[in-house]
PDB file of N, CA and C in Angstrom:
ATOM      1  N   MET A   1     -30.206  19.234 -14.861  1.00  0.00           N
ATOM      2  CA  MET A   1     -28.919  18.518 -15.215  1.00  0.00           C
ATOM      3  C   MET A   1     -28.168  18.269 -13.842  1.00  0.00           C
ATOM      4  N   GLU A   2     -27.719  17.155 -13.753  1.00  0.00           N
ATOM      5  CA  GLU A   2     -27.000  16.779 -12.489  1.00  0.00           C
ATOM      6  C   GLU A   2     -25.487  17.120 -12.618  1.00  0.00           C
ATOM      7  N   GLU A   3     -24.958  17.880 -11.616  1.00  0.00           N
ATOM      8  CA  GLU A   3     -23.556  18.212 -11.641  1.00  0.00           C
ATOM      9  C   GLU A   3     -22.729  17.240 -10.877  1.00  0.00           C
ATOM     10  N   LYS A   4     -21.700  16.758 -11.492  1.00  0.00           N
ATOM     11  CA  LYS A   4     -20.825  15.781 -10.818  1.00  0.00           C
ATOM     12  C   LYS A   4     -19.588  16.481 -10.248  1.00  0.00           C
ATOM     13  N   LEU A   5     -19.347  16.182  -8.959  1.00  0.00           N
ATOM     14  CA  LEU A   5     -18.232  16.786  -8.337  1.00  0.00           C
ATOM     15  C   LEU A   5     -16.939  15.950  -8.712  1.00  0.00           C
ATOM     16  N   PRO A   6     -15.931  16.508  -8.792  1.00  0.00           N
ATOM     17  CA  PRO A   6     -14.621  15.932  -9.099  1.00  0.00           C
ATOM     18  C   PRO A   6     -14.258  15.154  -7.905  1.00  0.00           C
ATOM     19  N   GLY A   7     -13.582  14.045  -8.108  1.00  0.00           N
ATOM     20  CA  GLY A   7     -13.027  13.247  -6.989  1.00  0.00           C
ATOM     21  C   GLY A   7     -11.790  13.861  -6.505  1.00  0.00           C
ATOM     22  N   ARG A   8     -11.460  13.518  -5.210  1.00  0.00           N
ATOM     23  CA  ARG A   8     -10.277  14.053  -4.623  1.00  0.00           C
ATOM     24  C   ARG A   8      -9.170  13.148  -4.939  1.00  0.00           C
ATOM     25  N   PRO A   9      -7.969  13.790  -4.968  1.00  0.00           N
ATOM     26  CA  PRO A   9      -6.761  12.931  -5.147  1.00  0.00           C
ATOM     27  C   PRO A   9      -6.561  12.022  -3.949  1.00  0.00           C
ATOM     28  N   ILE A  10      -6.129  10.879  -4.128  1.00  0.00           N
ATOM     29  CA  ILE A  10      -5.928   9.864  -3.098  1.00  0.00           C
ATOM     30  C   ILE A  10      -4.350   9.589  -3.199  1.00  0.00           C
ATOM     31  N   ARG A  11      -3.730   9.640  -2.055  1.00  0.00           N
ATOM     32  CA  ARG A  11      -2.233   9.363  -1.951  1.00  0.00           C
ATOM     33  C   ARG A  11      -2.088   7.834  -1.479  1.00  0.00           C
ATOM     34  N   ILE A  12      -1.150   7.178  -2.063  1.00  0.00           N
ATOM     35  CA  ILE A  12      -0.680   5.902  -1.637  1.00  0.00           C
ATOM     36  C   ILE A  12       0.571   6.108  -0.885  1.00  0.00           C
ATOM     37  N   ILE A  13       0.563   5.682   0.409  1.00  0.00           N
ATOM     38  CA  ILE A  13       1.715   5.829   1.298  1.00  0.00           C
ATOM     39  C   ILE A  13       2.429   4.566   1.425  1.00  0.00           C
ATOM     40  N   LYS A  14       3.699   4.584   1.402  1.00  0.00           N
ATOM     41  CA  LYS A  14       4.526   3.309   1.725  1.00  0.00           C
ATOM     42  C   LYS A  14       5.207   3.511   3.004  1.00  0.00           C
ATOM     43  N   SER A  15       4.969   2.606   3.932  1.00  0.00           N
ATOM     44  CA  SER A  15       5.641   2.648   5.135  1.00  0.00           C
ATOM     45  C   SER A  15       6.482   1.397   5.329  1.00  0.00           C
ATOM     46  N   LEU A  16       7.658   1.687   5.999  1.00  0.00           N
ATOM     47  CA  LEU A  16       8.642   0.594   6.150  1.00  0.00           C
ATOM     48  C   LEU A  16       8.935   0.570   7.729  1.00  0.00           C
ATOM     49  N   GLU A  17       8.946  -0.652   8.243  1.00  0.00           N
ATOM     50  CA  GLU A  17       9.237  -0.772   9.672  1.00  0.00           C
ATOM     51  C   GLU A  17      10.255  -1.883   9.845  1.00  0.00           C
ATOM     52  N   ASP A  18      11.319  -1.574  10.521  1.00  0.00           N
ATOM     53  CA  ASP A  18      12.317  -2.667  10.902  1.00  0.00           C
ATOM     54  C   ASP A  18      12.355  -2.652  12.466  1.00  0.00           C
ATOM     55  N   LYS A  19      11.759  -3.645  12.983  1.00  0.00           N
ATOM     56  CA  LYS A  19      11.591  -3.791  14.429  1.00  0.00           C
ATOM     57  C   LYS A  19      12.945  -4.099  15.101  1.00  0.00           C
ATOM     58  N   ASN A  20      13.823  -4.737  14.375  1.00  0.00           N
ATOM     59  CA  ASN A  20      15.114  -5.088  14.822  1.00  0.00           C
ATOM     60  C   ASN A  20      16.006  -3.852  15.075  1.00  0.00           C
ATOM     61  N   LEU A  21      15.870  -2.970  14.082  1.00  0.00           N
ATOM     62  CA  LEU A  21      16.642  -1.758  14.211  1.00  0.00           C
ATOM     63  C   LEU A  21      15.949  -0.573  14.844  1.00  0.00           C
ATOM     64  N   GLY A  22      14.644  -0.769  15.060  1.00  0.00           N
ATOM     65  CA  GLY A  22      13.811   0.330  15.637  1.00  0.00           C
ATOM     66  C   GLY A  22      13.637   1.493  14.689  1.00  0.00           C
ATOM     67  N   VAL A  23      13.575   1.227  13.370  1.00  0.00           N
ATOM     68  CA  VAL A  23      13.463   2.151  12.343  1.00  0.00           C
ATOM     69  C   VAL A  23      12.093   2.139  11.790  1.00  0.00           C
ATOM     70  N   PHE A  24      11.477   3.321  11.534  1.00  0.00           N
ATOM     71  CA  PHE A  24      10.167   3.497  10.879  1.00  0.00           C
ATOM     72  C   PHE A  24      10.238   4.604   9.997  1.00  0.00           C
ATOM     73  N   SER A  25       9.750   4.544   8.726  1.00  0.00           N
ATOM     74  CA  SER A  25       9.607   5.591   7.775  1.00  0.00           C
ATOM     75  C   SER A  25       8.429   5.496   6.892  1.00  0.00           C
ATOM     76  N   GLU A  26       7.984   6.663   6.434  1.00  0.00           N
ATOM     77  CA  GLU A  26       6.839   6.731   5.608  1.00  0.00           C
ATOM     78  C   GLU A  26       7.210   7.645   4.395  1.00  0.00           C
ATOM     79  N   GLU A  27       6.745   7.307   3.188  1.00  0.00           N
ATOM     80  CA  GLU A  27       6.932   8.223   1.985  1.00  0.00           C
ATOM     81  C   GLU A  27       5.832   8.111   1.078  1.00  0.00           C
ATOM     82  N   LEU A  28       5.620   9.061   0.234  1.00  0.00           N
ATOM     83  CA  LEU A  28       4.583   9.134  -0.727  1.00  0.00           C
ATOM     84  C   LEU A  28       5.001   8.145  -1.843  1.00  0.00           C
ATOM     85  N   TYR A  29       4.155   7.209  -2.080  1.00  0.00           N
ATOM     86  CA  TYR A  29       4.400   6.246  -3.191  1.00  0.00           C
ATOM     87  C   TYR A  29       3.841   6.707  -4.492  1.00  0.00           C
ATOM     88  N   LYS A  30       2.622   7.141  -4.571  1.00  0.00           N
ATOM     89  CA  LYS A  30       1.880   7.621  -5.644  1.00  0.00           C
ATOM     90  C   LYS A  30       0.754   8.445  -5.369  1.00  0.00           C
ATOM     91  N   THR A  31       0.379   9.370  -6.151  1.00  0.00           N
ATOM     92  CA  THR A  31      -0.857  10.205  -6.101  1.00  0.00           C
ATOM     93  C   THR A  31      -1.815   9.735  -7.152  1.00  0.00           C
ATOM     94  N   CYS A  32      -3.053   9.291  -6.772  1.00  0.00           N
ATOM     95  CA  CYS A  32      -4.034   8.843  -7.720  1.00  0.00           C
ATOM     96  C   CYS A  32      -5.095   9.819  -7.858  1.00  0.00           C
ATOM     97  N   LEU A  33      -5.790   9.712  -8.941  1.00  0.00           N
ATOM     98  CA  LEU A  33      -6.914  10.693  -9.289  1.00  0.00           C
ATOM     99  C   LEU A  33      -8.173  10.443  -8.469  1.00  0.00           C
ATOM    100  N   ASP A  34      -8.479   9.236  -8.068  1.00  0.00           N
ATOM    101  CA  ASP A  34      -9.678   8.909  -7.345  1.00  0.00           C
ATOM    102  C   ASP A  34      -9.489   7.558  -6.672  1.00  0.00           C
ATOM    103  N   ASP A  35     -10.604   7.254  -5.977  1.00  0.00           N
ATOM    104  CA  ASP A  35     -10.609   5.937  -5.210  1.00  0.00           C
ATOM    105  C   ASP A  35     -10.353   4.689  -6.132  1.00  0.00           C
ATOM    106  N   GLY A  36     -10.996   4.762  -7.346  1.00  0.00           N
ATOM    107  CA  GLY A  36     -10.902   3.625  -8.194  1.00  0.00           C
ATOM    108  C   GLY A  36      -9.391   3.400  -8.636  1.00  0.00           C
ATOM    109  N   GLU A  37      -8.756   4.392  -8.898  1.00  0.00           N
ATOM    110  CA  GLU A  37      -7.276   4.278  -9.291  1.00  0.00           C
ATOM    111  C   GLU A  37      -6.494   3.789  -8.150  1.00  0.00           C
ATOM    112  N   ALA A  38      -6.801   4.238  -6.907  1.00  0.00           N
ATOM    113  CA  ALA A  38      -6.015   3.961  -5.779  1.00  0.00           C
ATOM    114  C   ALA A  38      -6.235   2.398  -5.509  1.00  0.00           C
ATOM    115  N   VAL A  39      -7.392   1.895  -5.660  1.00  0.00           N
ATOM    116  CA  VAL A  39      -7.731   0.443  -5.439  1.00  0.00           C
ATOM    117  C   VAL A  39      -6.881  -0.432  -6.398  1.00  0.00           C
ATOM    118  N   LEU A  40      -6.867   0.090  -7.755  1.00  0.00           N
ATOM    119  CA  LEU A  40      -6.149  -0.675  -8.764  1.00  0.00           C
ATOM    120  C   LEU A  40      -4.623  -0.626  -8.514  1.00  0.00           C
ATOM    121  N   VAL A  41      -4.080   0.503  -7.966  1.00  0.00           N
ATOM    122  CA  VAL A  41      -2.666   0.530  -7.647  1.00  0.00           C
ATOM    123  C   VAL A  41      -2.348  -0.439  -6.428  1.00  0.00           C
ATOM    124  N   LEU A  42      -3.211  -0.425  -5.506  1.00  0.00           N
ATOM    125  CA  LEU A  42      -2.963  -1.268  -4.358  1.00  0.00           C
ATOM    126  C   LEU A  42      -3.019  -2.744  -4.746  1.00  0.00           C
ATOM    127  N   LYS A  43      -4.008  -3.067  -5.601  1.00  0.00           N
ATOM    128  CA  LYS A  43      -4.080  -4.480  -6.171  1.00  0.00           C
ATOM    129  C   LYS A  43      -2.779  -4.953  -6.898  1.00  0.00           C
ATOM    130  N   LYS A  44      -2.296  -3.893  -7.735  1.00  0.00           N
ATOM    131  CA  LYS A  44      -1.014  -4.338  -8.417  1.00  0.00           C
ATOM    132  C   LYS A  44       0.130  -4.507  -7.548  1.00  0.00           C
ATOM    133  N   ILE A  45       0.201  -3.619  -6.528  1.00  0.00           N
ATOM    134  CA  ILE A  45       1.272  -3.769  -5.573  1.00  0.00           C
ATOM    135  C   ILE A  45       1.268  -5.204  -4.752  1.00  0.00           C
ATOM    136  N   GLU A  46      -0.042  -5.474  -4.430  1.00  0.00           N
ATOM    137  CA  GLU A  46      -0.302  -6.788  -3.813  1.00  0.00           C
ATOM    138  C   GLU A  46       0.073  -7.948  -4.654  1.00  0.00           C
ATOM    139  N   GLN A  47      -0.263  -7.886  -5.911  1.00  0.00           N
ATOM    140  CA  GLN A  47       0.063  -8.992  -6.816  1.00  0.00           C
ATOM    141  C   GLN A  47       1.610  -9.118  -6.980  1.00  0.00           C
ATOM    142  N   ALA A  48       2.210  -7.933  -7.146  1.00  0.00           N
ATOM    143  CA  ALA A  48       3.687  -7.997  -7.391  1.00  0.00           C
ATOM    144  C   ALA A  48       4.433  -8.542  -6.264  1.00  0.00           C
ATOM    145  N   LEU A  49       4.128  -8.160  -5.009  1.00  0.00           N
ATOM    146  CA  LEU A  49       4.838  -8.570  -3.865  1.00  0.00           C
ATOM    147  C   LEU A  49       4.453 -10.011  -3.525  1.00  0.00           C
ATOM    148  N   ALA A  50       3.242 -10.421  -3.788  1.00  0.00           N
ATOM    149  CA  ALA A  50       2.774 -11.775  -3.490  1.00  0.00           C
ATOM    150  C   ALA A  50       3.627 -12.740  -4.349  1.00  0.00           C
ATOM    151  N   ALA A  51       3.924 -12.315  -5.541  1.00  0.00           N
ATOM    152  CA  ALA A  51       4.701 -13.130  -6.595  1.00  0.00           C
ATOM    153  C   ALA A  51       6.170 -13.188  -6.231  1.00  0.00           C
ATOM    154  N   ASP A  52       6.621 -12.327  -5.434  1.00  0.00           N
ATOM    155  CA  ASP A  52       8.115 -12.202  -4.995  1.00  0.00           C
ATOM    156  C   ASP A  52       8.374 -13.202  -3.915  1.00  0.00           C
ATOM    157  N   PRO A  53       9.340 -14.134  -4.110  1.00  0.00           N
ATOM    158  CA  PRO A  53       9.494 -15.113  -2.997  1.00  0.00           C
ATOM    159  C   PRO A  53      10.270 -14.642  -1.804  1.00  0.00           C
ATOM    160  N   ASN A  54      10.666 -13.356  -1.855  1.00  0.00           N
ATOM    161  CA  ASN A  54      11.328 -12.677  -0.830  1.00  0.00           C
ATOM    162  C   ASN A  54      10.403 -12.137   0.258  1.00  0.00           C
ATOM    163  N   TYR A  55       9.070 -12.130  -0.072  1.00  0.00           N
ATOM    164  CA  TYR A  55       8.140 -11.508   0.779  1.00  0.00           C
ATOM    165  C   TYR A  55       6.995 -12.403   1.146  1.00  0.00           C
ATOM    166  N   GLU A  56       6.471 -12.311   2.382  1.00  0.00           N
ATOM    167  CA  GLU A  56       5.374 -13.068   2.818  1.00  0.00           C
ATOM    168  C   GLU A  56       4.191 -12.067   3.113  1.00  0.00           C
ATOM    169  N   LEU A  57       3.034 -12.430   2.677  1.00  0.00           N
ATOM    170  CA  LEU A  57       1.814 -11.605   2.899  1.00  0.00           C
ATOM    171  C   LEU A  57       1.376 -11.600   4.305  1.00  0.00           C
ATOM    172  N   LEU A  58       1.152 -10.445   4.881  1.00  0.00           N
ATOM    173  CA  LEU A  58       0.685 -10.260   6.240  1.00  0.00           C
ATOM    174  C   LEU A  58      -0.796  -9.942   6.228  1.00  0.00           C
ATOM    175  N   HIS A  59      -1.183  -8.914   5.390  1.00  0.00           N
ATOM    176  CA  HIS A  59      -2.564  -8.497   5.248  1.00  0.00           C
ATOM    177  C   HIS A  59      -2.832  -8.166   3.752  1.00  0.00           C
ATOM    178  N   ASN A  60      -4.101  -8.623   3.356  1.00  0.00           N
ATOM    179  CA  ASN A  60      -4.335  -8.402   2.015  1.00  0.00           C
ATOM    180  C   ASN A  60      -5.598  -7.417   1.907  1.00  0.00           C
ATOM    181  N   LEU A  61      -5.909  -6.947   0.600  1.00  0.00           N
ATOM    182  CA  LEU A  61      -6.941  -5.938   0.472  1.00  0.00           C
ATOM    183  C   LEU A  61      -8.364  -6.533   0.797  1.00  0.00           C
ATOM    184  N   LYS A  62      -8.518  -7.821   0.671  1.00  0.00           N
ATOM    185  CA  LYS A  62      -9.800  -8.417   1.034  1.00  0.00           C
ATOM    186  C   LYS A  62     -10.165  -8.292   2.531  1.00  0.00           C
ATOM    187  N   GLU A  63      -9.088  -8.406   3.304  1.00  0.00           N
ATOM    188  CA  GLU A  63      -9.308  -8.377   4.788  1.00  0.00           C
ATOM    189  C   GLU A  63      -9.156  -6.897   5.349  1.00  0.00           C
ATOM    190  N   HIS A  64      -8.389  -5.932   4.748  1.00  0.00           N
ATOM    191  CA  HIS A  64      -8.047  -4.737   5.332  1.00  0.00           C
ATOM    192  C   HIS A  64      -8.080  -3.666   4.098  1.00  0.00           C
ATOM    193  N   ALA A  65      -8.024  -2.481   4.474  1.00  0.00           N
ATOM    194  CA  ALA A  65      -7.928  -1.310   3.469  1.00  0.00           C
ATOM    195  C   ALA A  65      -6.467  -1.011   3.192  1.00  0.00           C
ATOM    196  N   PHE A  66      -5.613  -2.035   3.425  1.00  0.00           N
ATOM    197  CA  PHE A  66      -4.234  -1.860   2.969  1.00  0.00           C
ATOM    198  C   PHE A  66      -3.593  -3.154   2.718  1.00  0.00           C
ATOM    199  N   VAL A  67      -2.360  -3.193   2.241  1.00  0.00           N
ATOM    200  CA  VAL A  67      -1.626  -4.406   1.968  1.00  0.00           C
ATOM    201  C   VAL A  67      -0.258  -4.298   2.781  1.00  0.00           C
ATOM    202  N   SER A  68       0.140  -5.472   3.391  1.00  0.00           N
ATOM    203  CA  SER A  68       1.309  -5.450   4.111  1.00  0.00           C
ATOM    204  C   SER A  68       2.101  -6.767   3.871  1.00  0.00           C
ATOM    205  N   PHE A  69       3.357  -6.691   3.870  1.00  0.00           N
ATOM    206  CA  PHE A  69       4.209  -7.825   3.599  1.00  0.00           C
ATOM    207  C   PHE A  69       5.438  -7.728   4.492  1.00  0.00           C
ATOM    208  N   ARG A  70       6.105  -8.880   4.718  1.00  0.00           N
ATOM    209  CA  ARG A  70       7.333  -8.993   5.494  1.00  0.00           C
ATOM    210  C   ARG A  70       8.418  -9.615   4.623  1.00  0.00           C
ATOM    211  N   ASN A  71       9.565  -8.967   4.604  1.00  0.00           N
ATOM    212  CA  ASN A  71      10.726  -9.499   3.893  1.00  0.00           C
ATOM    213  C   ASN A  71      11.223 -10.641   4.745  1.00  0.00           C
ATOM    214  N   ILE A  72      11.217 -11.866   4.109  1.00  0.00           N
ATOM    215  CA  ILE A  72      11.663 -13.061   4.900  1.00  0.00           C
ATOM    216  C   ILE A  72      13.107 -13.147   5.330  1.00  0.00           C
ATOM    217  N   HIS A  73      13.965 -12.271   4.626  1.00  0.00           N
ATOM    218  CA  HIS A  73      15.358 -12.291   5.007  1.00  0.00           C
ATOM    219  C   HIS A  73      15.653 -11.211   6.025  1.00  0.00           C
ATOM    220  N   THR A  74      15.134 -10.041   5.956  1.00  0.00           N
ATOM    221  CA  THR A  74      15.447  -8.933   6.850  1.00  0.00           C
ATOM    222  C   THR A  74      14.393  -8.741   7.877  1.00  0.00           C
ATOM    223  N   GLN A  75      13.218  -9.417   7.737  1.00  0.00           N
ATOM    224  CA  GLN A  75      12.026  -9.190   8.692  1.00  0.00           C
ATOM    225  C   GLN A  75      11.529  -7.784   8.696  1.00  0.00           C
ATOM    226  N   GLN A  76      11.897  -7.000   7.668  1.00  0.00           N
ATOM    227  CA  GLN A  76      11.423  -5.623   7.538  1.00  0.00           C
ATOM    228  C   GLN A  76       9.948  -5.672   7.051  1.00  0.00           C
ATOM    229  N   GLU A  77       9.038  -4.993   7.632  1.00  0.00           N
ATOM    230  CA  GLU A  77       7.658  -4.967   7.142  1.00  0.00           C
ATOM    231  C   GLU A  77       7.386  -3.759   6.242  1.00  0.00           C
ATOM    232  N   VAL A  78       6.667  -4.036   5.204  1.00  0.00           N
ATOM    233  CA  VAL A  78       6.358  -2.942   4.262  1.00  0.00           C
ATOM    234  C   VAL A  78       4.775  -2.827   4.105  1.00  0.00           C
ATOM    235  N   ARG A  79       4.242  -1.632   4.239  1.00  0.00           N
ATOM    236  CA  ARG A  79       2.804  -1.589   4.208  1.00  0.00           C
ATOM    237  C   ARG A  79       2.432  -0.453   3.196  1.00  0.00           C
ATOM    238  N   PHE A  80       1.437  -0.695   2.307  1.00  0.00           N
ATOM    239  CA  PHE A  80       0.894   0.308   1.443  1.00  0.00           C
ATOM    240  C   PHE A  80      -0.562   0.663   1.807  1.00  0.00           C
ATOM    241  N   PHE A  81      -0.874   1.891   1.990  1.00  0.00           N
ATOM    242  CA  PHE A  81      -2.222   2.318   2.364  1.00  0.00           C
ATOM    243  C   PHE A  81      -2.591   3.557   1.735  1.00  0.00           C
ATOM    244  N   SER A  82      -3.793   3.943   1.680  1.00  0.00           N
ATOM    245  CA  SER A  82      -4.316   5.165   0.963  1.00  0.00           C
ATOM    246  C   SER A  82      -4.775   6.193   2.047  1.00  0.00           C
ATOM    247  N   GLU A  83      -4.622   7.418   1.686  1.00  0.00           N
ATOM    248  CA  GLU A  83      -5.127   8.499   2.437  1.00  0.00           C
ATOM    249  C   GLU A  83      -5.505   9.667   1.521  1.00  0.00           C
ATOM    250  N   ASP A  84      -6.575  10.404   1.951  1.00  0.00           N
ATOM    251  CA  ASP A  84      -6.903  11.610   1.190  1.00  0.00           C
ATOM    252  C   ASP A  84      -6.635  12.868   1.796  1.00  0.00           C
TER     253      ASP A  84
END
């Protein structure tokens, strides 16, 4: 009988960078049970911010292992990425 090892929790981190103010911060956005859940969460974030007219897409999941957007009014960049 094959034994399956449990997946490791994956954390989604949200980072904010305001180059005008010289401010950078990171915070835990969500803890996921495994890689599959983390990918789904990142896809939902990408869809939500892509639909928001206040944000422009900088990097998507197809090109990178993270998503990043820029607020068109404040120029603040927000990035969501996973780490274990």
